[in-house]
Amino acid sequence: MNEYVIEDVSHCEIMWEYQSYKEVMERMNYLRQLWWCWENICPCTSYATCSREYEIIKYAGGIQIDSVCAFEIGKTVDDWKLNNWKG
């Protein structure tokens, strides 16, 4: 079974873990709609000028087999980068 992890690579912070690609995409779409509210604010003290860079990492049997940068979010949302990723 595959496992997916959403990580904020800017802060080396694993945010969520899911068992299905569908769950990952639901979370990614939700986060894009939030923009810069409490759930997306960076943990550092410079959160007003910082951002989160979300990456999706796919594991199989505990071994990383794929990863993709999803988007960066700060005061605005960077381009959606998952258009062609199949999970």
Protein backbone atom coordinates (compact mmCIF):
# COMPACT_ATOMS: atom_id res chain seq x y z
CA MET A 1 0.00 0.00 0.00
CA ASN A 2 1.20 3.49 -0.83
CA GLU A 3 1.49 6.23 1.71
CA TYR A 4 1.58 9.92 0.94
CA VAL A 5 3.16 12.63 3.07
CA ILE A 6 2.65 16.35 2.66
CA GLU A 7 5.72 18.21 3.82
CA ASP A 8 6.55 21.89 4.15
CA VAL A 9 10.06 21.67 2.73
CA SER A 10 10.82 25.29 3.64
CA HIS A 11 10.57 24.40 7.33
CA CYS A 12 11.33 20.65 7.19
CA GLU A 13 7.94 19.97 8.74
CA ILE A 14 5.81 16.93 7.92
CA MET A 15 2.28 18.25 7.92
CA TRP A 16 -0.04 15.34 7.09
CA GLU A 17 0.05 11.66 6.15
CA TYR A 18 -2.55 9.92 3.97
CA GLN A 19 -3.17 6.49 2.52
CA SER A 20 -4.72 7.60 -0.77
CA TYR A 21 -3.95 10.02 -3.56
CA LYS A 22 -7.56 11.24 -3.40
CA GLU A 23 -7.11 12.34 0.24
CA VAL A 24 -3.91 14.17 -0.66
CA MET A 25 -5.59 16.08 -3.48
CA GLU A 26 -8.54 17.00 -1.26
CA ARG A 27 -6.12 18.46 1.31
CA MET A 28 -4.12 20.30 -1.36
CA ASN A 29 -7.25 21.88 -2.82
CA TYR A 30 -8.40 22.85 0.66
CA LEU A 31 -5.05 24.47 1.47
CA ARG A 32 -5.03 26.44 -1.77
CA GLN A 33 -8.40 27.94 -0.83
CA LEU A 34 -7.18 29.02 2.62
CA TRP A 35 -4.27 31.08 1.39
CA TRP A 36 -2.63 32.69 4.40
CA CYS A 37 -4.89 31.94 7.34
CA TRP A 38 -4.06 30.29 10.66
CA GLU A 39 -3.71 26.78 9.22
CA ASN A 40 -1.10 27.85 6.67
CA ILE A 41 0.90 30.39 8.67
CA CYS A 42 4.56 29.45 8.98
CA PRO A 43 5.93 28.35 12.35
CA CYS A 44 8.83 30.82 12.25
CA THR A 45 8.78 34.30 13.72
CA SER A 46 9.05 35.89 10.29
CA TYR A 47 5.78 34.35 9.10
CA ALA A 48 4.61 37.65 7.62
CA THR A 49 7.40 37.55 5.03
CA CYS A 50 7.95 33.79 4.89
CA SER A 51 6.06 31.10 3.01
CA ARG A 52 5.35 27.38 2.99
CA GLU A 53 6.44 25.18 0.10
CA TYR A 54 4.31 22.07 0.06
CA GLU A 55 5.72 18.90 -1.42
CA ILE A 56 3.93 15.58 -1.76
CA ILE A 57 6.08 12.53 -1.13
CA LYS A 58 4.93 9.05 -2.11
CA TYR A 59 6.17 5.99 -0.22
CA ALA A 60 5.76 2.27 -0.86
CA GLY A 61 6.92 -0.14 1.83
CA GLY A 62 8.56 2.72 3.71
CA ILE A 63 10.73 3.70 0.72
CA GLN A 64 10.30 7.02 -1.07
CA ILE A 65 9.36 6.33 -4.67
CA ASP A 66 8.23 9.75 -5.93
CA SER A 67 7.85 13.38 -4.92
CA VAL A 68 6.51 16.56 -6.44
CA CYS A 69 6.41 20.19 -5.39
CA ALA A 70 2.73 21.06 -5.12
CA PHE A 71 2.75 24.82 -4.57
CA GLU A 72 4.15 27.61 -2.44
CA ILE A 73 1.83 29.64 -0.28
CA GLY A 74 2.49 32.93 1.43
CA LYS A 75 0.63 36.17 0.95
CA THR A 76 -0.36 34.74 -2.45
CA VAL A 77 -0.55 31.23 -3.89
CA ASP A 78 2.14 30.30 -6.37
CA ASP A 79 1.31 28.37 -9.51
CA TRP A 80 -0.39 25.02 -9.06
CA LYS A 81 2.23 22.44 -10.05
CA LEU A 82 0.24 19.20 -9.86
CA ASN A 83 -1.56 19.30 -13.18
CA ASN A 84 0.27 16.32 -14.67
CA TRP A 85 1.18 14.37 -11.53
CA LYS A 86 -0.70 11.09 -11.26
CA GLY A 87 0.28 10.18 -7.71
